[in-house]
Amino acid sequence: MHAIRPALTAAILFASAAPCAADPAPRIHYAPAENLEKIDVALIDGARREIDLAAYVLTDWPVILALTRAANRGVKLRLYLDGAQLANRPPRDVFQDLAATPTVQIRIKPLNKRPMHLKSYQIDRRLLRTGAANLSASGLKQQDNDLIVIKGLEASMNFKRHFEAIWAKGEAWK
């Protein structure tokens, strides 16, 4: 038994010293010089398995349509939205169509809580989109908005852990 302990300790130390692949440097895009809506649509159109999205507001039709296309391809979508924003703006038909898609789950931050200003999503545990740009038609085109795209497992999984925590505190929409 005592001989196993040093060997096990050495194996753990060796494994932890192995080189780790860090996420690549993020790509940063700025509006209005770039069309952030087109970037979001392209990223979402590339999804194959899952999208976890947290947004203060989700009113950009091309983005919602891209999410609907992904859901129709069988991509599992979980949307976490600010409850007050959703309550103040009755969802349009295009959002209702997305919500009615079988692979879509929507939860909201409770109305009595402080606003949730997160504007991020992860795709297939390989890509994280974050930044100041809202997922609204006006938010994607405003001056000095940024959209940061980070490819890699580490960044995506860090967001996913945070998303799981806020998702668990959310309330079912409808």
N, C-alpha and C. Protein backbone atom coordinates (compact mmCIF):
# COMPACT_ATOMS: atom_id res chain seq x y z
N MET A 1 0.82 -1.19 0.00
CA MET A 1 0.00 0.00 0.00
C MET A 1 0.87 1.26 0.00
N HIS A 2 1.94 1.24 0.84
CA HIS A 2 2.81 2.41 0.93
C HIS A 2 3.58 2.63 -0.36
N ALA A 3 3.86 1.58 -1.10
CA ALA A 3 4.58 1.71 -2.38
C ALA A 3 3.69 2.29 -3.46
N ILE A 4 2.40 2.09 -3.34
CA ILE A 4 1.46 2.61 -4.33
C ILE A 4 1.32 4.12 -4.21
N ARG A 5 1.33 4.64 -2.99
CA ARG A 5 1.13 6.07 -2.77
C ARG A 5 2.15 6.94 -3.51
N PRO A 6 3.47 6.67 -3.40
CA PRO A 6 4.43 7.51 -4.15
C PRO A 6 4.24 7.41 -5.66
N ALA A 7 3.91 6.23 -6.15
CA ALA A 7 3.70 6.08 -7.60
C ALA A 7 2.47 6.86 -8.05
N LEU A 8 1.42 6.81 -7.25
CA LEU A 8 0.20 7.56 -7.57
C LEU A 8 0.45 9.06 -7.52
N THR A 9 1.19 9.51 -6.50
CA THR A 9 1.52 10.93 -6.38
C THR A 9 2.34 11.38 -7.58
N ALA A 10 3.32 10.57 -7.98
CA ALA A 10 4.15 10.92 -9.14
C ALA A 10 3.32 10.99 -10.41
N ALA A 11 2.38 10.07 -10.58
CA ALA A 11 1.52 10.07 -11.77
C ALA A 11 0.65 11.32 -11.81
N ILE A 12 0.10 11.71 -10.66
CA ILE A 12 -0.73 12.92 -10.60
C ILE A 12 0.10 14.15 -10.92
N LEU A 13 1.31 14.25 -10.35
CA LEU A 13 2.18 15.40 -10.62
C LEU A 13 2.57 15.45 -12.09
N PHE A 14 2.89 14.31 -12.68
CA PHE A 14 3.25 14.26 -14.09
C PHE A 14 2.09 14.71 -14.96
N ALA A 15 0.88 14.23 -14.67
CA ALA A 15 -0.29 14.59 -15.47
C ALA A 15 -0.59 16.07 -15.35
N SER A 16 -0.42 16.63 -14.16
CA SER A 16 -0.73 18.06 -13.99
C SER A 16 0.33 18.94 -14.63
N ALA A 17 1.53 18.41 -14.86
CA ALA A 17 2.59 19.19 -15.48
C ALA A 17 2.53 19.15 -17.00
N ALA A 18 1.66 18.31 -17.54
CA ALA A 18 1.54 18.21 -19.00
C ALA A 18 1.13 19.55 -19.57
N PRO A 19 1.63 19.90 -20.75
CA PRO A 19 1.27 21.19 -21.34
C PRO A 19 -0.23 21.27 -21.61
N CYS A 20 -0.80 22.41 -21.30
CA CYS A 20 -2.23 22.63 -21.52
C CYS A 20 -2.42 23.51 -22.75
N ALA A 21 -3.40 23.19 -23.51
CA ALA A 21 -3.71 24.00 -24.68
C ALA A 21 -4.62 25.14 -24.24
N ALA A 22 -4.12 26.35 -24.26
CA ALA A 22 -4.92 27.51 -23.88
C ALA A 22 -5.81 27.90 -25.04
N ASP A 23 -6.91 28.57 -24.69
CA ASP A 23 -7.79 29.06 -25.74
C ASP A 23 -7.03 30.08 -26.60
N PRO A 24 -7.35 30.12 -27.88
CA PRO A 24 -6.68 31.10 -28.74
C PRO A 24 -7.07 32.52 -28.35
N ALA A 25 -6.32 33.46 -28.84
CA ALA A 25 -6.63 34.87 -28.57
C ALA A 25 -8.02 35.19 -29.13
N PRO A 26 -8.78 36.00 -28.41
CA PRO A 26 -10.12 36.33 -28.89
C PRO A 26 -10.08 37.21 -30.13
N ARG A 27 -11.11 37.07 -30.95
CA ARG A 27 -11.31 37.98 -32.08
C ARG A 27 -12.33 39.01 -31.62
N ILE A 28 -12.00 40.26 -31.78
CA ILE A 28 -12.89 41.34 -31.34
C ILE A 28 -13.40 42.07 -32.56
N HIS A 29 -14.72 42.23 -32.62
CA HIS A 29 -15.37 42.93 -33.72
C HIS A 29 -16.09 44.15 -33.13
N TYR A 30 -16.10 45.25 -33.88
CA TYR A 30 -16.72 46.49 -33.41
C TYR A 30 -17.78 46.98 -34.39
N ALA A 31 -18.89 47.43 -33.84
CA ALA A 31 -19.91 48.13 -34.63
C ALA A 31 -19.66 49.62 -34.44
N PRO A 32 -19.98 50.43 -35.39
CA PRO A 32 -20.67 50.14 -36.63
C PRO A 32 -19.74 49.77 -37.79
N ALA A 33 -18.43 49.70 -37.54
CA ALA A 33 -17.50 49.36 -38.63
C ALA A 33 -17.77 47.98 -39.20
N GLU A 34 -18.27 47.07 -38.37
CA GLU A 34 -18.60 45.71 -38.80
C GLU A 34 -20.06 45.44 -38.50
N ASN A 35 -20.66 44.58 -39.26
CA ASN A 35 -22.05 44.19 -39.05
C ASN A 35 -22.08 43.01 -38.07
N LEU A 36 -22.30 43.32 -36.79
CA LEU A 36 -22.26 42.29 -35.75
C LEU A 36 -23.40 41.29 -35.90
N GLU A 37 -24.50 41.73 -36.45
CA GLU A 37 -25.64 40.83 -36.69
C GLU A 37 -25.24 39.69 -37.62
N LYS A 38 -24.53 40.02 -38.69
CA LYS A 38 -24.09 38.98 -39.64
C LYS A 38 -23.11 38.01 -38.98
N ILE A 39 -22.27 38.51 -38.11
CA ILE A 39 -21.33 37.64 -37.40
C ILE A 39 -22.09 36.69 -36.48
N ASP A 40 -23.06 37.22 -35.73
CA ASP A 40 -23.88 36.36 -34.86
C ASP A 40 -24.61 35.30 -35.67
N VAL A 41 -25.23 35.70 -36.75
CA VAL A 41 -25.98 34.74 -37.59
C VAL A 41 -25.06 33.65 -38.10
N ALA A 42 -23.87 34.01 -38.57
CA ALA A 42 -22.93 33.01 -39.08
C ALA A 42 -22.49 32.04 -37.97
N LEU A 43 -22.22 32.57 -36.79
CA LEU A 43 -21.82 31.71 -35.67
C LEU A 43 -22.94 30.73 -35.32
N ILE A 44 -24.15 31.24 -35.21
CA ILE A 44 -25.30 30.39 -34.85
C ILE A 44 -25.57 29.37 -35.95
N ASP A 45 -25.45 29.77 -37.20
CA ASP A 45 -25.66 28.84 -38.31
C ASP A 45 -24.64 27.69 -38.30
N GLY A 46 -23.52 27.87 -37.64
CA GLY A 46 -22.51 26.82 -37.55
C GLY A 46 -22.72 25.85 -36.40
N ALA A 47 -23.70 26.10 -35.55
CA ALA A 47 -23.95 25.23 -34.39
C ALA A 47 -24.40 23.84 -34.84
N ARG A 48 -23.95 22.83 -34.13
CA ARG A 48 -24.31 21.45 -34.46
C ARG A 48 -25.04 20.73 -33.32
N ARG A 49 -24.70 21.02 -32.05
CA ARG A 49 -25.28 20.27 -30.94
C ARG A 49 -26.04 21.11 -29.94
N GLU A 50 -25.45 22.24 -29.50
CA GLU A 50 -26.07 23.01 -28.43
C GLU A 50 -25.69 24.48 -28.48
N ILE A 51 -26.63 25.29 -28.01
CA ILE A 51 -26.38 26.72 -27.80
C ILE A 51 -26.98 27.07 -26.44
N ASP A 52 -26.18 27.66 -25.58
CA ASP A 52 -26.66 28.25 -24.33
C ASP A 52 -26.51 29.75 -24.49
N LEU A 53 -27.62 30.49 -24.42
CA LEU A 53 -27.60 31.92 -24.69
C LEU A 53 -28.22 32.67 -23.52
N ALA A 54 -27.51 33.67 -23.03
CA ALA A 54 -28.02 34.56 -21.99
C ALA A 54 -28.05 35.97 -22.57
N ALA A 55 -29.22 36.60 -22.56
CA ALA A 55 -29.35 37.91 -23.18
C ALA A 55 -30.29 38.80 -22.40
N TYR A 56 -29.89 40.04 -22.26
CA TYR A 56 -30.73 41.06 -21.64
C TYR A 56 -31.98 41.26 -22.49
N VAL A 57 -31.77 41.31 -23.79
CA VAL A 57 -32.87 41.48 -24.73
C VAL A 57 -32.55 40.65 -25.98
N LEU A 58 -33.58 40.04 -26.56
CA LEU A 58 -33.42 39.26 -27.79
C LEU A 58 -34.55 39.66 -28.73
N THR A 59 -34.26 40.66 -29.58
CA THR A 59 -35.28 41.16 -30.50
C THR A 59 -34.78 41.26 -31.94
N ASP A 60 -33.55 40.86 -32.19
CA ASP A 60 -33.01 40.95 -33.55
C ASP A 60 -33.54 39.79 -34.38
N TRP A 61 -34.38 40.10 -35.38
CA TRP A 61 -35.04 39.07 -36.17
C TRP A 61 -34.09 38.12 -36.87
N PRO A 62 -33.06 38.58 -37.58
CA PRO A 62 -32.15 37.62 -38.22
C PRO A 62 -31.47 36.68 -37.22
N VAL A 63 -31.15 37.17 -36.04
CA VAL A 63 -30.55 36.32 -35.00
C VAL A 63 -31.58 35.30 -34.52
N ILE A 64 -32.81 35.74 -34.29
CA ILE A 64 -33.87 34.82 -33.86
C ILE A 64 -34.13 33.78 -34.94
N LEU A 65 -34.15 34.19 -36.19
CA LEU A 65 -34.35 33.24 -37.29
C LEU A 65 -33.19 32.24 -37.36
N ALA A 66 -31.96 32.69 -37.12
CA ALA A 66 -30.81 31.77 -37.11
C ALA A 66 -30.95 30.77 -35.96
N LEU A 67 -31.42 31.23 -34.80
CA LEU A 67 -31.65 30.33 -33.68
C LEU A 67 -32.74 29.31 -34.02
N THR A 68 -33.78 29.75 -34.71
CA THR A 68 -34.86 28.85 -35.12
C THR A 68 -34.34 27.81 -36.11
N ARG A 69 -33.52 28.24 -37.06
CA ARG A 69 -32.92 27.29 -38.00
C ARG A 69 -32.09 26.25 -37.26
N ALA A 70 -31.31 26.71 -36.29
CA ALA A 70 -30.49 25.78 -35.50
C ALA A 70 -31.38 24.78 -34.76
N ALA A 71 -32.44 25.27 -34.14
CA ALA A 71 -33.36 24.38 -33.42
C ALA A 71 -34.01 23.38 -34.36
N ASN A 72 -34.36 23.84 -35.55
CA ASN A 72 -34.97 22.94 -36.54
C ASN A 72 -33.98 21.88 -37.04
N ARG A 73 -32.67 22.17 -36.93
CA ARG A 73 -31.65 21.17 -37.29
C ARG A 73 -31.41 20.19 -36.15
N GLY A 74 -32.08 20.41 -35.02
CA GLY A 74 -31.92 19.52 -33.87
C GLY A 74 -30.95 20.04 -32.82
N VAL A 75 -30.46 21.27 -32.99
CA VAL A 75 -29.58 21.86 -31.99
C VAL A 75 -30.40 22.16 -30.74
N LYS A 76 -29.88 21.75 -29.59
CA LYS A 76 -30.55 22.01 -28.31
C LYS A 76 -30.26 23.46 -27.92
N LEU A 77 -31.32 24.26 -27.76
CA LEU A 77 -31.17 25.67 -27.39
C LEU A 77 -31.73 25.90 -26.00
N ARG A 78 -30.93 26.58 -25.18
CA ARG A 78 -31.42 27.06 -23.89
C ARG A 78 -31.21 28.57 -23.88
N LEU A 79 -32.29 29.31 -23.72
CA LEU A 79 -32.25 30.76 -23.71
C LEU A 79 -32.59 31.25 -22.31
N TYR A 80 -31.74 32.10 -21.76
CA TYR A 80 -31.99 32.71 -20.46
C TYR A 80 -32.08 34.21 -20.70
N LEU A 81 -33.25 34.77 -20.44
CA LEU A 81 -33.52 36.17 -20.78
C LEU A 81 -33.90 36.97 -19.54
N ASP A 82 -33.72 38.27 -19.61
CA ASP A 82 -34.14 39.14 -18.53
C ASP A 82 -35.66 39.20 -18.51
N GLY A 83 -36.26 38.81 -17.41
CA GLY A 83 -37.72 38.74 -17.31
C GLY A 83 -38.41 40.08 -17.49
N ALA A 84 -37.82 41.14 -16.94
CA ALA A 84 -38.44 42.46 -17.05
C ALA A 84 -38.45 42.93 -18.50
N GLN A 85 -37.37 42.72 -19.22
CA GLN A 85 -37.32 43.12 -20.63
C GLN A 85 -38.35 42.35 -21.45
N LEU A 86 -38.47 41.06 -21.19
CA LEU A 86 -39.42 40.23 -21.93
C LEU A 86 -40.86 40.64 -21.59
N ALA A 87 -41.09 41.01 -20.34
CA ALA A 87 -42.44 41.43 -19.93
C ALA A 87 -42.81 42.78 -20.53
N ASN A 88 -41.82 43.66 -20.70
CA ASN A 88 -42.08 45.01 -21.22
C ASN A 88 -42.26 45.04 -22.73
N ARG A 89 -41.80 44.01 -23.42
CA ARG A 89 -41.90 43.96 -24.88
C ARG A 89 -42.56 42.64 -25.26
N PRO A 90 -43.83 42.67 -25.54
CA PRO A 90 -44.48 41.40 -25.93
C PRO A 90 -43.74 40.78 -27.12
N PRO A 91 -43.39 39.49 -27.00
CA PRO A 91 -42.64 38.84 -28.09
C PRO A 91 -43.41 38.85 -29.41
N ARG A 92 -42.69 39.08 -30.47
CA ARG A 92 -43.26 39.06 -31.82
C ARG A 92 -43.42 37.63 -32.29
N ASP A 93 -44.09 37.47 -33.42
CA ASP A 93 -44.34 36.14 -33.96
C ASP A 93 -43.07 35.34 -34.19
N VAL A 94 -42.01 36.01 -34.67
CA VAL A 94 -40.77 35.30 -34.96
C VAL A 94 -40.18 34.71 -33.67
N PHE A 95 -40.31 35.40 -32.55
CA PHE A 95 -39.86 34.86 -31.27
C PHE A 95 -40.78 33.72 -30.81
N GLN A 96 -42.07 33.89 -31.01
CA GLN A 96 -43.04 32.84 -30.65
C GLN A 96 -42.74 31.56 -31.44
N ASP A 97 -42.38 31.70 -32.72
CA ASP A 97 -42.02 30.53 -33.54
C ASP A 97 -40.79 29.83 -32.95
N LEU A 98 -39.80 30.60 -32.55
CA LEU A 98 -38.61 30.02 -31.92
C LEU A 98 -39.00 29.29 -30.64
N ALA A 99 -39.80 29.94 -29.80
CA ALA A 99 -40.20 29.36 -28.52
C ALA A 99 -40.99 28.07 -28.69
N ALA A 100 -41.70 27.94 -29.79
CA ALA A 100 -42.53 26.76 -30.04
C ALA A 100 -41.74 25.58 -30.60
N THR A 101 -40.49 25.78 -30.93
CA THR A 101 -39.65 24.71 -31.49
C THR A 101 -39.30 23.72 -30.38
N PRO A 102 -39.46 22.41 -30.64
CA PRO A 102 -39.29 21.41 -29.58
C PRO A 102 -37.93 21.40 -28.87
N THR A 103 -36.85 21.75 -29.53
CA THR A 103 -35.54 21.69 -28.88
C THR A 103 -35.17 22.98 -28.15
N VAL A 104 -36.13 23.89 -27.95
CA VAL A 104 -35.87 25.17 -27.31
C VAL A 104 -36.47 25.20 -25.91
N GLN A 105 -35.65 25.60 -24.94
CA GLN A 105 -36.11 25.84 -23.58
C GLN A 105 -35.81 27.30 -23.26
N ILE A 106 -36.77 27.97 -22.62
CA ILE A 106 -36.58 29.38 -22.27
C ILE A 106 -36.85 29.55 -20.78
N ARG A 107 -35.91 30.18 -20.11
CA ARG A 107 -36.08 30.55 -18.71
C ARG A 107 -35.79 32.04 -18.61
N ILE A 108 -36.37 32.67 -17.59
CA ILE A 108 -36.18 34.10 -17.41
C ILE A 108 -35.67 34.40 -16.01
N LYS A 109 -34.93 35.48 -15.93
CA LYS A 109 -34.52 35.97 -14.63
C LYS A 109 -35.77 36.52 -13.97
N PRO A 110 -36.01 36.20 -12.71
CA PRO A 110 -37.24 36.67 -12.05
C PRO A 110 -37.41 38.18 -12.14
N LEU A 111 -38.67 38.59 -12.29
CA LEU A 111 -38.99 40.00 -12.48
C LEU A 111 -38.55 40.88 -11.32
N ASN A 112 -38.54 40.34 -10.11
CA ASN A 112 -38.23 41.16 -8.93
C ASN A 112 -36.73 41.27 -8.67
N LYS A 113 -35.90 40.75 -9.56
CA LYS A 113 -34.45 40.82 -9.40
C LYS A 113 -33.88 41.96 -10.23
N ARG A 114 -32.64 42.35 -9.92
CA ARG A 114 -31.97 43.39 -10.69
C ARG A 114 -31.82 42.94 -12.14
N PRO A 115 -31.75 43.88 -13.08
CA PRO A 115 -31.64 43.51 -14.50
C PRO A 115 -30.41 42.65 -14.76
N MET A 116 -30.54 41.77 -15.72
CA MET A 116 -29.46 40.90 -16.15
C MET A 116 -28.94 41.45 -17.48
N HIS A 117 -27.73 41.93 -17.48
CA HIS A 117 -27.20 42.57 -18.69
C HIS A 117 -26.23 41.68 -19.47
N LEU A 118 -26.21 40.41 -19.18
CA LEU A 118 -25.33 39.50 -19.90
C LEU A 118 -25.78 39.38 -21.36
N LYS A 119 -24.83 39.34 -22.28
CA LYS A 119 -25.11 39.23 -23.72
C LYS A 119 -24.11 38.24 -24.30
N SER A 120 -24.29 36.98 -23.97
CA SER A 120 -23.29 35.98 -24.34
C SER A 120 -23.96 34.66 -24.71
N TYR A 121 -23.25 33.88 -25.50
CA TYR A 121 -23.69 32.52 -25.75
C TYR A 121 -22.48 31.64 -26.04
N GLN A 122 -22.67 30.34 -25.79
CA GLN A 122 -21.65 29.36 -26.14
C GLN A 122 -22.28 28.39 -27.13
N ILE A 123 -21.45 27.94 -28.05
CA ILE A 123 -21.90 27.00 -29.08
C ILE A 123 -21.03 25.75 -29.02
N ASP A 124 -21.68 24.62 -28.85
CA ASP A 124 -21.03 23.30 -28.93
C ASP A 124 -19.80 23.16 -28.05
N ARG A 125 -19.75 23.89 -26.97
CA ARG A 125 -18.62 23.83 -26.03
C ARG A 125 -17.29 24.13 -26.71
N ARG A 126 -17.34 24.93 -27.78
CA ARG A 126 -16.10 25.24 -28.51
C ARG A 126 -15.97 26.72 -28.83
N LEU A 127 -17.03 27.49 -28.62
CA LEU A 127 -17.01 28.89 -29.02
C LEU A 127 -17.82 29.71 -28.03
N LEU A 128 -17.28 30.85 -27.64
CA LEU A 128 -17.98 31.78 -26.75
C LEU A 128 -18.09 33.12 -27.45
N ARG A 129 -19.30 33.66 -27.44
CA ARG A 129 -19.55 35.02 -27.94
C ARG A 129 -19.94 35.85 -26.74
N THR A 130 -19.28 36.97 -26.55
CA THR A 130 -19.60 37.84 -25.44
C THR A 130 -19.31 39.28 -25.85
N GLY A 131 -19.58 40.22 -25.00
CA GLY A 131 -19.30 41.62 -25.29
C GLY A 131 -20.44 42.52 -24.88
N ALA A 132 -20.38 43.77 -25.31
CA ALA A 132 -21.36 44.77 -24.92
C ALA A 132 -22.56 44.84 -25.85
N ALA A 133 -22.47 44.26 -27.02
CA ALA A 133 -23.53 44.38 -28.03
C ALA A 133 -24.75 43.55 -27.63
N ASN A 134 -25.90 44.21 -27.54
CA ASN A 134 -27.15 43.50 -27.29
C ASN A 134 -27.54 42.69 -28.52
N LEU A 135 -28.38 41.70 -28.31
CA LEU A 135 -28.91 40.90 -29.42
C LEU A 135 -30.24 41.51 -29.87
N SER A 136 -30.15 42.78 -30.21
CA SER A 136 -31.30 43.53 -30.71
C SER A 136 -30.85 44.26 -31.96
N ALA A 137 -31.79 44.61 -32.82
CA ALA A 137 -31.42 45.29 -34.06
C ALA A 137 -30.66 46.58 -33.77
N SER A 138 -31.11 47.35 -32.80
CA SER A 138 -30.42 48.60 -32.49
C SER A 138 -29.13 48.34 -31.74
N GLY A 139 -29.09 47.35 -30.88
CA GLY A 139 -27.90 47.07 -30.08
C GLY A 139 -26.73 46.57 -30.88
N LEU A 140 -26.98 45.92 -32.01
CA LEU A 140 -25.89 45.39 -32.81
C LEU A 140 -25.28 46.43 -33.74
N LYS A 141 -25.91 47.57 -33.87
CA LYS A 141 -25.43 48.57 -34.82
C LYS A 141 -25.00 49.88 -34.16
N GLN A 142 -25.12 49.98 -32.84
CA GLN A 142 -24.79 51.22 -32.17
C GLN A 142 -23.30 51.48 -32.18
N GLN A 143 -22.96 52.74 -32.03
CA GLN A 143 -21.57 53.17 -31.98
C GLN A 143 -20.85 52.49 -30.82
N ASP A 144 -19.62 52.10 -31.05
CA ASP A 144 -18.73 51.60 -30.01
C ASP A 144 -19.20 50.32 -29.31
N ASN A 145 -20.02 49.52 -29.96
CA ASN A 145 -20.35 48.21 -29.40
C ASN A 145 -19.32 47.21 -29.86
N ASP A 146 -19.01 46.29 -28.98
CA ASP A 146 -18.06 45.25 -29.35
C ASP A 146 -18.70 43.88 -29.20
N LEU A 147 -18.21 42.98 -29.97
CA LEU A 147 -18.59 41.58 -29.92
C LEU A 147 -17.27 40.82 -29.88
N ILE A 148 -17.07 40.00 -28.88
CA ILE A 148 -15.83 39.26 -28.73
C ILE A 148 -16.12 37.79 -28.97
N VAL A 149 -15.36 37.17 -29.83
CA VAL A 149 -15.52 35.76 -30.13
C VAL A 149 -14.26 35.04 -29.66
N ILE A 150 -14.46 34.06 -28.80
CA ILE A 150 -13.35 33.28 -28.27
C ILE A 150 -13.62 31.83 -28.62
N LYS A 151 -12.71 31.22 -29.35
CA LYS A 151 -12.85 29.81 -29.67
C LYS A 151 -12.04 29.01 -28.66
N GLY A 152 -12.63 27.93 -28.19
CA GLY A 152 -11.88 27.06 -27.30
C GLY A 152 -12.74 26.51 -26.19
N LEU A 153 -12.33 25.36 -25.71
CA LEU A 153 -13.07 24.64 -24.69
C LEU A 153 -13.07 25.38 -23.36
N GLU A 154 -11.95 25.92 -22.94
CA GLU A 154 -11.85 26.54 -21.62
C GLU A 154 -12.82 27.71 -21.46
N ALA A 155 -12.82 28.63 -22.40
CA ALA A 155 -13.71 29.80 -22.31
C ALA A 155 -15.17 29.36 -22.38
N SER A 156 -15.48 28.44 -23.27
CA SER A 156 -16.85 27.96 -23.40
C SER A 156 -17.32 27.28 -22.13
N MET A 157 -16.47 26.47 -21.53
CA MET A 157 -16.86 25.76 -20.32
C MET A 157 -16.98 26.69 -19.11
N ASN A 158 -16.14 27.73 -19.04
CA ASN A 158 -16.30 28.71 -17.96
C ASN A 158 -17.66 29.40 -18.07
N PHE A 159 -18.03 29.79 -19.29
CA PHE A 159 -19.35 30.39 -19.47
C PHE A 159 -20.45 29.38 -19.14
N LYS A 160 -20.29 28.15 -19.58
CA LYS A 160 -21.31 27.12 -19.36
C LYS A 160 -21.54 26.90 -17.86
N ARG A 161 -20.47 26.92 -17.06
CA ARG A 161 -20.63 26.77 -15.60
C ARG A 161 -21.45 27.93 -15.03
N HIS A 162 -21.15 29.15 -15.48
CA HIS A 162 -21.92 30.31 -15.02
C HIS A 162 -23.37 30.20 -15.51
N PHE A 163 -23.54 29.80 -16.75
CA PHE A 163 -24.88 29.67 -17.32
C PHE A 163 -25.70 28.65 -16.53
N GLU A 164 -25.10 27.53 -16.16
CA GLU A 164 -25.81 26.51 -15.38
C GLU A 164 -26.31 27.10 -14.06
N ALA A 165 -25.50 27.94 -13.43
CA ALA A 165 -25.89 28.55 -12.16
C ALA A 165 -27.07 29.51 -12.33
N ILE A 166 -27.03 30.37 -13.35
CA ILE A 166 -28.15 31.30 -13.53
C ILE A 166 -29.39 30.58 -14.06
N TRP A 167 -29.18 29.56 -14.89
CA TRP A 167 -30.29 28.77 -15.41
C TRP A 167 -31.07 28.13 -14.26
N ALA A 168 -30.35 27.61 -13.28
CA ALA A 168 -30.99 26.95 -12.15
C ALA A 168 -31.83 27.93 -11.32
N LYS A 169 -31.46 29.19 -11.30
CA LYS A 169 -32.21 30.21 -10.55
C LYS A 169 -33.35 30.81 -11.36
N GLY A 170 -33.37 30.56 -12.66
CA GLY A 170 -34.39 31.15 -13.53
C GLY A 170 -35.76 30.53 -13.35
N GLU A 171 -36.73 31.21 -13.91
CA GLU A 171 -38.11 30.73 -13.91
C GLU A 171 -38.50 30.33 -15.33
N ALA A 172 -39.32 29.32 -15.42
CA ALA A 172 -39.81 28.90 -16.75
C ALA A 172 -40.59 30.04 -17.37
N TRP A 173 -40.39 30.26 -18.67
CA TRP A 173 -41.16 31.27 -19.38
C TRP A 173 -42.41 30.62 -19.91
N LYS A 174 -43.52 31.19 -19.64
CA LYS A 174 -44.86 30.72 -20.02
C LYS A 174 -45.18 29.46 -19.35
